[in-house]
PDB file of N, CA and C in Angstrom:
ATOM      1  N   MET A   1     100.359 111.615 125.415  1.00  0.00           N
ATOM      2  CA  MET A   1     100.997 110.780 126.411  1.00  0.00           C
ATOM      3  C   MET A   1     100.344 109.399 126.390  1.00  0.00           C
ATOM      4  N   LEU A   2     101.163 108.372 126.462  1.00  0.00           N
ATOM      5  CA  LEU A   2     100.639 107.015 126.435  1.00  0.00           C
ATOM      6  C   LEU A   2     100.148 106.615 127.812  1.00  0.00           C
ATOM      7  N   SER A   3      99.037 105.925 127.848  1.00  0.00           N
ATOM      8  CA  SER A   3      98.431 105.530 129.119  1.00  0.00           C
ATOM      9  C   SER A   3      99.038 104.254 129.680  1.00  0.00           C
ATOM     10  N   GLY A   4      99.714 103.474 128.842  1.00  0.00           N
ATOM     11  CA  GLY A   4     100.280 102.209 129.290  1.00  0.00           C
ATOM     12  C   GLY A   4      99.299 101.050 129.177  1.00  0.00           C
ATOM     13  N   ARG A   5      98.088 101.336 128.761  1.00  0.00           N
ATOM     14  CA  ARG A   5      97.083 100.290 128.583  1.00  0.00           C
ATOM     15  C   ARG A   5      97.052  99.851 127.128  1.00  0.00           C
ATOM     16  N   LEU A   6      96.732  98.600 126.923  1.00  0.00           N
ATOM     17  CA  LEU A   6      96.628  98.055 125.575  1.00  0.00           C
ATOM     18  C   LEU A   6      95.355  98.573 124.921  1.00  0.00           C
ATOM     19  N   ASN A   7      95.501  99.084 123.727  1.00  0.00           N
ATOM     20  CA  ASN A   7      94.374  99.661 123.012  1.00  0.00           C
ATOM     21  C   ASN A   7      94.100  98.805 121.777  1.00  0.00           C
ATOM     22  N   THR A   8      92.857  98.515 121.505  1.00  0.00           N
ATOM     23  CA  THR A   8      92.482  97.697 120.351  1.00  0.00           C
ATOM     24  C   THR A   8      92.945  98.321 119.044  1.00  0.00           C
ATOM     25  N   ALA A   9      92.941  99.639 118.963  1.00  0.00           N
ATOM     26  CA  ALA A   9      93.357 100.322 117.733  1.00  0.00           C
ATOM     27  C   ALA A   9      94.806 100.020 117.394  1.00  0.00           C
ATOM     28  N   PHE A  10      95.675  99.890 118.402  1.00  0.00           N
ATOM     29  CA  PHE A  10      97.083  99.580 118.156  1.00  0.00           C
ATOM     30  C   PHE A  10      97.234  98.169 117.589  1.00  0.00           C
ATOM     31  N   VAL A  11      96.486  97.238 118.137  1.00  0.00           N
ATOM     32  CA  VAL A  11      96.545  95.853 117.663  1.00  0.00           C
ATOM     33  C   VAL A  11      96.031  95.765 116.237  1.00  0.00           C
ATOM     34  N   GLU A  12      94.937  96.431 115.937  1.00  0.00           N
ATOM     35  CA  GLU A  12      94.385  96.414 114.590  1.00  0.00           C
ATOM     36  C   GLU A  12      95.329  97.079 113.594  1.00  0.00           C
ATOM     37  N   ARG A  13      96.024  98.129 114.006  1.00  0.00           N
ATOM     38  CA  ARG A  13      96.982  98.803 113.123  1.00  0.00           C
ATOM     39  C   ARG A  13      98.136  97.875 112.778  1.00  0.00           C
ATOM     40  N   VAL A  14      98.634  97.134 113.752  1.00  0.00           N
ATOM     41  CA  VAL A  14      99.716  96.180 113.492  1.00  0.00           C
ATOM     42  C   VAL A  14      99.229  95.078 112.562  1.00  0.00           C
ATOM     43  N   ASN A  15      98.027  94.577 112.801  1.00  0.00           N
ATOM     44  CA  ASN A  15      97.472  93.532 111.928  1.00  0.00           C
ATOM     45  C   ASN A  15      97.365  94.025 110.489  1.00  0.00           C
ATOM     46  N   LEU A  16      96.879  95.239 110.297  1.00  0.00           N
ATOM     47  CA  LEU A  16      96.742  95.785 108.948  1.00  0.00           C
ATOM     48  C   LEU A  16      98.100  95.976 108.290  1.00  0.00           C
ATOM     49  N   THR A  17      99.067  96.478 109.026  1.00  0.00           N
ATOM     50  CA  THR A  17     100.407  96.693 108.476  1.00  0.00           C
ATOM     51  C   THR A  17     101.015  95.372 108.021  1.00  0.00           C
ATOM     52  N   ILE A  18     100.885  94.340 108.825  1.00  0.00           N
ATOM     53  CA  ILE A  18     101.433  93.033 108.455  1.00  0.00           C
ATOM     54  C   ILE A  18     100.681  92.460 107.259  1.00  0.00           C
ATOM     55  N   ARG A  19      99.354  92.553 107.252  1.00  0.00           N
ATOM     56  CA  ARG A  19      98.579  92.025 106.120  1.00  0.00           C
ATOM     57  C   ARG A  19      98.930  92.719 104.818  1.00  0.00           C
ATOM     58  N   GLN A  20      99.193  94.026 104.878  1.00  0.00           N
ATOM     59  CA  GLN A  20      99.556  94.751 103.660  1.00  0.00           C
ATOM     60  C   GLN A  20     100.962  94.397 103.192  1.00  0.00           C
ATOM     61  N   GLY A  21     101.828  94.014 104.100  1.00  0.00           N
ATOM     62  CA  GLY A  21     103.203  93.701 103.737  1.00  0.00           C
ATOM     63  C   GLY A  21     103.444  92.280 103.292  1.00  0.00           C
ATOM     64  N   VAL A  22     102.649  91.347 103.781  1.00  0.00           N
ATOM     65  CA  VAL A  22     102.833  89.930 103.468  1.00  0.00           C
ATOM     66  C   VAL A  22     101.705  89.496 102.535  1.00  0.00           C
ATOM     67  N   ALA A  23     102.062  89.190 101.297  1.00  0.00           N
ATOM     68  CA  ALA A  23     101.063  88.890 100.270  1.00  0.00           C
ATOM     69  C   ALA A  23     100.191  87.694 100.625  1.00  0.00           C
ATOM     70  N   LEU A  24     100.744  86.725 101.327  1.00  0.00           N
ATOM     71  CA  LEU A  24      99.956  85.541 101.660  1.00  0.00           C
ATOM     72  C   LEU A  24      98.880  85.818 102.702  1.00  0.00           C
ATOM     73  N   LEU A  25      98.982  86.946 103.401  1.00  0.00           N
ATOM     74  CA  LEU A  25      98.009  87.275 104.432  1.00  0.00           C
ATOM     75  C   LEU A  25      96.961  88.282 103.975  1.00  0.00           C
ATOM     76  N   VAL A  26      97.095  88.784 102.761  1.00  0.00           N
ATOM     77  CA  VAL A  26      96.129  89.743 102.233  1.00  0.00           C
ATOM     78  C   VAL A  26      94.820  89.009 101.992  1.00  0.00           C
ATOM     79  N   ARG A  27      93.726  89.645 102.316  1.00  0.00           N
ATOM     80  CA  ARG A  27      92.423  89.026 102.084  1.00  0.00           C
ATOM     81  C   ARG A  27      92.138  88.965 100.586  1.00  0.00           C
ATOM     82  N   ARG A  28      91.510  87.902 100.180  1.00  0.00           N
ATOM     83  CA  ARG A  28      91.136  87.689  98.774  1.00  0.00           C
ATOM     84  C   ARG A  28      92.337  87.826  97.838  1.00  0.00           C
ATOM     85  N   THR A  29      93.331  87.014  98.052  1.00  0.00           N
ATOM     86  CA  THR A  29      94.545  87.083  97.259  1.00  0.00           C
ATOM     87  C   THR A  29      94.655  85.884  96.332  1.00  0.00           C
ATOM     88  N   TRP A  30      95.443  86.061  95.285  1.00  0.00           N
ATOM     89  CA  TRP A  30      95.734  84.958  94.380  1.00  0.00           C
ATOM     90  C   TRP A  30      96.887  84.127  94.923  1.00  0.00           C
ATOM     91  N   GLY A  31      97.675  84.731  95.802  1.00  0.00           N
ATOM     92  CA  GLY A  31      98.815  84.015  96.373  1.00  0.00           C
ATOM     93  C   GLY A  31      98.361  82.984  97.379  1.00  0.00           C
ATOM     94  N   THR A  32      98.834  81.771  97.220  1.00  0.00           N
ATOM     95  CA  THR A  32      98.498  80.718  98.172  1.00  0.00           C
ATOM     96  C   THR A  32      99.786  80.093  98.682  1.00  0.00           C
ATOM     97  N   ALA A  33      99.758  79.649  99.900  1.00  0.00           N
ATOM     98  CA  ALA A  33     100.918  78.996 100.490  1.00  0.00           C
ATOM     99  C   ALA A  33     100.938  77.530 100.055  1.00  0.00           C
ATOM    100  N   GLN A  34     102.041  77.107  99.477  1.00  0.00           N
ATOM    101  CA  GLN A  34     102.161  75.724  99.023  1.00  0.00           C
ATOM    102  C   GLN A  34     102.554  74.806 100.173  1.00  0.00           C
ATOM    103  N   THR A  35     103.258  75.373 101.148  1.00  0.00           N
ATOM    104  CA  THR A  35     103.679  74.589 102.305  1.00  0.00           C
ATOM    105  C   THR A  35     103.325  75.366 103.573  1.00  0.00           C
ATOM    106  N   VAL A  36     103.429  74.708 104.696  1.00  0.00           N
ATOM    107  CA  VAL A  36     103.170  75.365 105.973  1.00  0.00           C
ATOM    108  C   VAL A  36     104.302  76.347 106.294  1.00  0.00           C
ATOM    109  N   ARG A  37     105.471  76.062 105.810  1.00  0.00           N
ATOM    110  CA  ARG A  37     106.654  76.871 106.104  1.00  0.00           C
ATOM    111  C   ARG A  37     106.672  78.195 105.338  1.00  0.00           C
ATOM    112  N   ALA A  38     106.041  78.265 104.188  1.00  0.00           N
ATOM    113  CA  ALA A  38     106.105  79.443 103.318  1.00  0.00           C
ATOM    114  C   ALA A  38     105.609  80.729 103.980  1.00  0.00           C
ATOM    115  N   PRO A  39     104.446  80.734 104.631  1.00  0.00           N
ATOM    116  CA  PRO A  39     104.002  81.989 105.250  1.00  0.00           C
ATOM    117  C   PRO A  39     104.937  82.471 106.358  1.00  0.00           C
ATOM    118  N   ARG A  40     105.494  81.537 107.109  1.00  0.00           N
ATOM    119  CA  ARG A  40     106.433  81.915 108.177  1.00  0.00           C
ATOM    120  C   ARG A  40     107.685  82.554 107.608  1.00  0.00           C
ATOM    121  N   LEU A  41     108.236  81.977 106.552  1.00  0.00           N
ATOM    122  CA  LEU A  41     109.433  82.545 105.932  1.00  0.00           C
ATOM    123  C   LEU A  41     109.139  83.915 105.335  1.00  0.00           C
ATOM    124  N   HIS A  42     107.983  84.062 104.713  1.00  0.00           N
ATOM    125  CA  HIS A  42     107.597  85.346 104.127  1.00  0.00           C
ATOM    126  C   HIS A  42     107.434  86.398 105.220  1.00  0.00           C
ATOM    127  N   LEU A  43     106.826  86.018 106.338  1.00  0.00           N
ATOM    128  CA  LEU A  43     106.647  86.944 107.459  1.00  0.00           C
ATOM    129  C   LEU A  43     107.995  87.357 108.042  1.00  0.00           C
ATOM    130  N   LEU A  44     108.929  86.421 108.186  1.00  0.00           N
ATOM    131  CA  LEU A  44     110.261  86.743 108.707  1.00  0.00           C
ATOM    132  C   LEU A  44     111.017  87.676 107.758  1.00  0.00           C
ATOM    133  N   TRP A  45     110.899  87.433 106.437  1.00  0.00           N
ATOM    134  CA  TRP A  45     111.558  88.310 105.465  1.00  0.00           C
ATOM    135  C   TRP A  45     110.969  89.718 105.557  1.00  0.00           C
ATOM    136  N   TRP A  46     109.642  89.821 105.624  1.00  0.00           N
ATOM    137  CA  TRP A  46     108.997  91.132 105.715  1.00  0.00           C
ATOM    138  C   TRP A  46     109.392  91.849 106.997  1.00  0.00           C
ATOM    139  N   GLN A  47     109.493  91.122 108.093  1.00  0.00           N
ATOM    140  CA  GLN A  47     109.872  91.715 109.373  1.00  0.00           C
ATOM    141  C   GLN A  47     111.281  92.320 109.288  1.00  0.00           C
ATOM    142  N   GLY A  48     112.203  91.627 108.666  1.00  0.00           N
ATOM    143  CA  GLY A  48     113.549  92.163 108.473  1.00  0.00           C
ATOM    144  C   GLY A  48     113.539  93.391 107.583  1.00  0.00           C
ATOM    145  N   TYR A  49     112.769  93.352 106.509  1.00  0.00           N
ATOM    146  CA  TYR A  49     112.662  94.499 105.606  1.00  0.00           C
ATOM    147  C   TYR A  49     112.078  95.703 106.337  1.00  0.00           C
ATOM    148  N   TYR A  50     111.040  95.484 107.122  1.00  0.00           N
ATOM    149  CA  TYR A  50     110.344  96.563 107.817  1.00  0.00           C
ATOM    150  C   TYR A  50     111.266  97.263 108.818  1.00  0.00           C
ATOM    151  N   HIS A  51     112.115  96.504 109.504  1.00  0.00           N
ATOM    152  CA  HIS A  51     112.958  97.082 110.554  1.00  0.00           C
ATOM    153  C   HIS A  51     114.326  97.549 110.085  1.00  0.00           C
ATOM    154  N   PHE A  52     114.856  96.985 108.982  1.00  0.00           N
ATOM    155  CA  PHE A  52     116.215  97.307 108.564  1.00  0.00           C
ATOM    156  C   PHE A  52     116.320  98.057 107.245  1.00  0.00           C
ATOM    157  N   VAL A  53     115.274  98.077 106.421  1.00  0.00           N
ATOM    158  CA  VAL A  53     115.368  98.687 105.088  1.00  0.00           C
ATOM    159  C   VAL A  53     114.377  99.833 104.905  1.00  0.00           C
ATOM    160  N   ARG A  54     113.149  99.646 105.313  1.00  0.00           N
ATOM    161  CA  ARG A  54     112.079 100.613 105.039  1.00  0.00           C
ATOM    162  C   ARG A  54     112.157 101.812 105.983  1.00  0.00           C
ATOM    163  N   PRO A  55     112.306 103.031 105.434  1.00  0.00           N
ATOM    164  CA  PRO A  55     112.318 104.214 106.308  1.00  0.00           C
ATOM    165  C   PRO A  55     110.915 104.514 106.835  1.00  0.00           C
ATOM    166  N   HIS A  56     110.863 104.996 108.062  1.00  0.00           N
ATOM    167  CA  HIS A  56     109.592 105.326 108.700  1.00  0.00           C
ATOM    168  C   HIS A  56     109.494 106.843 108.830  1.00  0.00           C
ATOM    169  N   GLN A  57     108.398 107.405 108.374  1.00  0.00           N
ATOM    170  CA  GLN A  57     108.231 108.847 108.369  1.00  0.00           C
ATOM    171  C   GLN A  57     108.243 109.429 109.785  1.00  0.00           C
ATOM    172  N   ALA A  58     107.711 108.710 110.729  1.00  0.00           N
ATOM    173  CA  ALA A  58     107.659 109.215 112.105  1.00  0.00           C
ATOM    174  C   ALA A  58     109.046 109.292 112.750  1.00  0.00           C
ATOM    175  N   LEU A  59     110.031 108.597 112.196  1.00  0.00           N
ATOM    176  CA  LEU A  59     111.371 108.574 112.773  1.00  0.00           C
ATOM    177  C   LEU A  59     112.346 109.531 112.091  1.00  0.00           C
ATOM    178  N   ARG A  60     111.897 110.226 111.067  1.00  0.00           N
ATOM    179  CA  ARG A  60     112.811 111.103 110.330  1.00  0.00           C
ATOM    180  C   ARG A  60     113.286 112.262 111.210  1.00  0.00           C
ATOM    181  N   GLN A  61     114.500 112.756 110.889  1.00  0.00           N
ATOM    182  CA  GLN A  61     115.092 113.858 111.641  1.00  0.00           C
ATOM    183  C   GLN A  61     115.326 115.025 110.706  1.00  0.00           C
ATOM    184  N   GLU A  62     115.069 116.214 111.211  1.00  0.00           N
ATOM    185  CA  GLU A  62     115.321 117.410 110.419  1.00  0.00           C
ATOM    186  C   GLU A  62     116.811 117.716 110.465  1.00  0.00           C
ATOM    187  N   TYR A  63     117.373 118.097 109.306  1.00  0.00           N
ATOM    188  CA  TYR A  63     118.786 118.469 109.266  1.00  0.00           C
ATOM    189  C   TYR A  63     119.002 119.735 110.077  1.00  0.00           C
ATOM    190  N   PRO A  64     120.162 119.865 110.724  1.00  0.00           N
ATOM    191  CA  PRO A  64     120.444 121.105 111.459  1.00  0.00           C
ATOM    192  C   PRO A  64     120.440 122.313 110.533  1.00  0.00           C
ATOM    193  N   GLN A  65     120.118 123.466 111.076  1.00  0.00           N
ATOM    194  CA  GLN A  65     120.029 124.691 110.279  1.00  0.00           C
ATOM    195  C   GLN A  65     121.373 125.019 109.626  1.00  0.00           C
ATOM    196  N   SER A  66     122.484 124.624 110.242  1.00  0.00           N
ATOM    197  CA  SER A  66     123.797 124.928 109.684  1.00  0.00           C
ATOM    198  C   SER A  66     124.031 124.227 108.354  1.00  0.00           C
ATOM    199  N   LEU A  67     123.345 123.123 108.103  1.00  0.00           N
ATOM    200  CA  LEU A  67     123.503 122.409 106.833  1.00  0.00           C
ATOM    201  C   LEU A  67     122.633 122.984 105.722  1.00  0.00           C
ATOM    202  N   LEU A  68     121.642 123.752 106.083  1.00  0.00           N
ATOM    203  CA  LEU A  68     120.749 124.339 105.096  1.00  0.00           C
ATOM    204  C   LEU A  68     121.263 125.734 104.727  1.00  0.00           C
ATOM    205  N   HIS A  69     121.978 125.826 103.633  1.00  0.00           N
ATOM    206  CA  HIS A  69     122.555 127.102 103.191  1.00  0.00           C
ATOM    207  C   HIS A  69     121.562 127.849 102.317  1.00  0.00           C
ATOM    208  N   ARG A  70     121.638 129.155 102.328  1.00  0.00           N
ATOM    209  CA  ARG A  70     120.752 129.965 101.481  1.00  0.00           C
ATOM    210  C   ARG A  70     121.119 129.838 100.015  1.00  0.00           C
ATOM    211  N   ASP A  71     122.429 129.727  99.741  1.00  0.00           N
ATOM    212  CA  ASP A  71     122.884 129.636  98.349  1.00  0.00           C
ATOM    213  C   ASP A  71     122.499 128.299  97.723  1.00  0.00           C
ATOM    214  N   GLN A  72     122.569 127.271  98.506  1.00  0.00           N
ATOM    215  CA  GLN A  72     122.360 125.928  97.977  1.00  0.00           C
ATOM    216  C   GLN A  72     121.174 125.293  98.706  1.00  0.00           C
ATOM    217  N   GLN A  73     120.121 125.005  97.981  1.00  0.00           N
ATOM    218  CA  GLN A  73     118.956 124.395  98.596  1.00  0.00           C
ATOM    219  C   GLN A  73     119.116 122.880  98.632  1.00  0.00           C
ATOM    220  N   ARG A  74     118.841 122.315  99.772  1.00  0.00           N
ATOM    221  CA  ARG A  74     118.853 120.861  99.900  1.00  0.00           C
ATOM    222  C   ARG A  74     117.552 120.325  99.325  1.00  0.00           C
ATOM    223  N   PRO A  75     117.598 119.271  98.538  1.00  0.00           N
ATOM    224  CA  PRO A  75     116.367 118.720  97.992  1.00  0.00           C
ATOM    225  C   PRO A  75     115.471 118.119  99.077  1.00  0.00           C
ATOM    226  N   ASN A  76     116.066 117.755 100.201  1.00  0.00           N
ATOM    227  CA  ASN A  76     115.300 117.128 101.272  1.00  0.00           C
ATOM    228  C   ASN A  76     115.702 117.753 102.604  1.00  0.00           C
ATOM    229  N   ARG A  77     114.736 118.218 103.379  1.00  0.00           N
ATOM    230  CA  ARG A  77     115.032 118.824 104.674  1.00  0.00           C
ATOM    231  C   ARG A  77     115.210 117.788 105.769  1.00  0.00           C
ATOM    232  N   TYR A  78     114.798 116.555 105.496  1.00  0.00           N
ATOM    233  CA  TYR A  78     114.788 115.539 106.531  1.00  0.00           C
ATOM    234  C   TYR A  78     115.716 114.380 106.185  1.00  0.00           C
ATOM    235  N   ARG A  79     116.268 113.782 107.208  1.00  0.00           N
ATOM    236  CA  ARG A  79     117.076 112.578 107.070  1.00  0.00           C
ATOM    237  C   ARG A  79     116.173 111.398 107.373  1.00  0.00           C
ATOM    238  N   GLU A  80     116.001 110.512 106.406  1.00  0.00           N
ATOM    239  CA  GLU A  80     115.157 109.342 106.617  1.00  0.00           C
ATOM    240  C   GLU A  80     115.873 108.366 107.545  1.00  0.00           C
ATOM    241  N   ARG A  81     115.096 107.749 108.425  1.00  0.00           N
ATOM    242  CA  ARG A  81     115.674 106.775 109.346  1.00  0.00           C
ATOM    243  C   ARG A  81     114.798 105.535 109.416  1.00  0.00           C
ATOM    244  N   ILE A  82     115.452 104.439 109.762  1.00  0.00           N
ATOM    245  CA  ILE A  82     114.762 103.175 109.969  1.00  0.00           C
ATOM    246  C   ILE A  82     114.766 102.894 111.470  1.00  0.00           C
ATOM    247  N   PRO A  83     113.933 101.991 111.953  1.00  0.00           N
ATOM    248  CA  PRO A  83     113.865 101.745 113.394  1.00  0.00           C
ATOM    249  C   PRO A  83     115.203 101.374 114.032  1.00  0.00           C
ATOM    250  N   THR A  84     116.035 100.616 113.340  1.00  0.00           N
ATOM    251  CA  THR A  84     117.324 100.237 113.939  1.00  0.00           C
ATOM    252  C   THR A  84     118.272 101.424 114.021  1.00  0.00           C
ATOM    253  N   MET A  85     118.141 102.408 113.138  1.00  0.00           N
ATOM    254  CA  MET A  85     118.935 103.635 113.249  1.00  0.00           C
ATOM    255  C   MET A  85     118.461 104.448 114.443  1.00  0.00           C
ATOM    256  N   ALA A  86     117.150 104.515 114.643  1.00  0.00           N
ATOM    257  CA  ALA A  86     116.596 105.258 115.771  1.00  0.00           C
ATOM    258  C   ALA A  86     117.005 104.625 117.098  1.00  0.00           C
ATOM    259  N   ALA A  87     117.159 103.306 117.122  1.00  0.00           N
ATOM    260  CA  ALA A  87     117.552 102.597 118.338  1.00  0.00           C
ATOM    261  C   ALA A  87     119.063 102.626 118.554  1.00  0.00           C
ATOM    262  N   GLY A  88     119.813 103.110 117.556  1.00  0.00           N
ATOM    263  CA  GLY A  88     121.263 103.190 117.682  1.00  0.00           C
ATOM    264  C   GLY A  88     121.982 101.894 117.365  1.00  0.00           C
ATOM    265  N   LEU A  89     121.329 100.958 116.677  1.00  0.00           N
ATOM    266  CA  LEU A  89     121.954  99.682 116.352  1.00  0.00           C
ATOM    267  C   LEU A  89     122.759  99.726 115.063  1.00  0.00           C
ATOM    268  N   THR A  90     122.436 100.643 114.171  1.00  0.00           N
ATOM    269  CA  THR A  90     123.161 100.791 112.916  1.00  0.00           C
ATOM    270  C   THR A  90     123.165 102.267 112.528  1.00  0.00           C
ATOM    271  N   GLU A  91     124.124 102.648 111.681  1.00  0.00           N
ATOM    272  CA  GLU A  91     124.234 104.045 111.268  1.00  0.00           C
ATOM    273  C   GLU A  91     123.780 104.274 109.840  1.00  0.00           C
ATOM    274  N   HIS A  92     123.471 103.203 109.120  1.00  0.00           N
ATOM    275  CA  HIS A  92     123.063 103.354 107.719  1.00  0.00           C
ATOM    276  C   HIS A  92     121.868 102.463 107.434  1.00  0.00           C
ATOM    277  N   ARG A  93     121.210 102.801 106.342  1.00  0.00           N
ATOM    278  CA  ARG A  93     120.069 102.022 105.881  1.00  0.00           C
ATOM    279  C   ARG A  93     120.578 100.818 105.113  1.00  0.00           C
ATOM    280  N   TRP A  94     120.072  99.655 105.387  1.00  0.00           N
ATOM    281  CA  TRP A  94     120.499  98.433 104.715  1.00  0.00           C
ATOM    282  C   TRP A  94     119.821  98.320 103.354  1.00  0.00           C
ATOM    283  N   MET A  95     120.368  97.505 102.498  1.00  0.00           N
ATOM    284  CA  MET A  95     119.814  97.273 101.151  1.00  0.00           C
ATOM    285  C   MET A  95     119.396  95.818 101.025  1.00  0.00           C
ATOM    286  N   VAL A  96     118.432  95.581 100.157  1.00  0.00           N
ATOM    287  CA  VAL A  96     117.966  94.212  99.902  1.00  0.00           C
ATOM    288  C   VAL A  96     118.649  93.716  98.651  1.00  0.00           C
TER     289      VAL A  96
END
């Protein structure tokens, strides 16, 4: 159960996730920003990818038992979902 209080671990997790996704923010990188605008555009692109394209394991749904037949095995028991699917904003995963 969530306490409703801000926890440092949550902030650090978000920072790490963003740093791993945006090459210009990775520590000790060869990538350098040529303009002030470049990191902002890269961050906005990554944010769109993270919310509309990349499936999140914590949001996956198990298929109903009626779809899992004994004769035919499904290669995947779970339906991958993205945050916008979980929020009900879209019904399919977007492509880049």
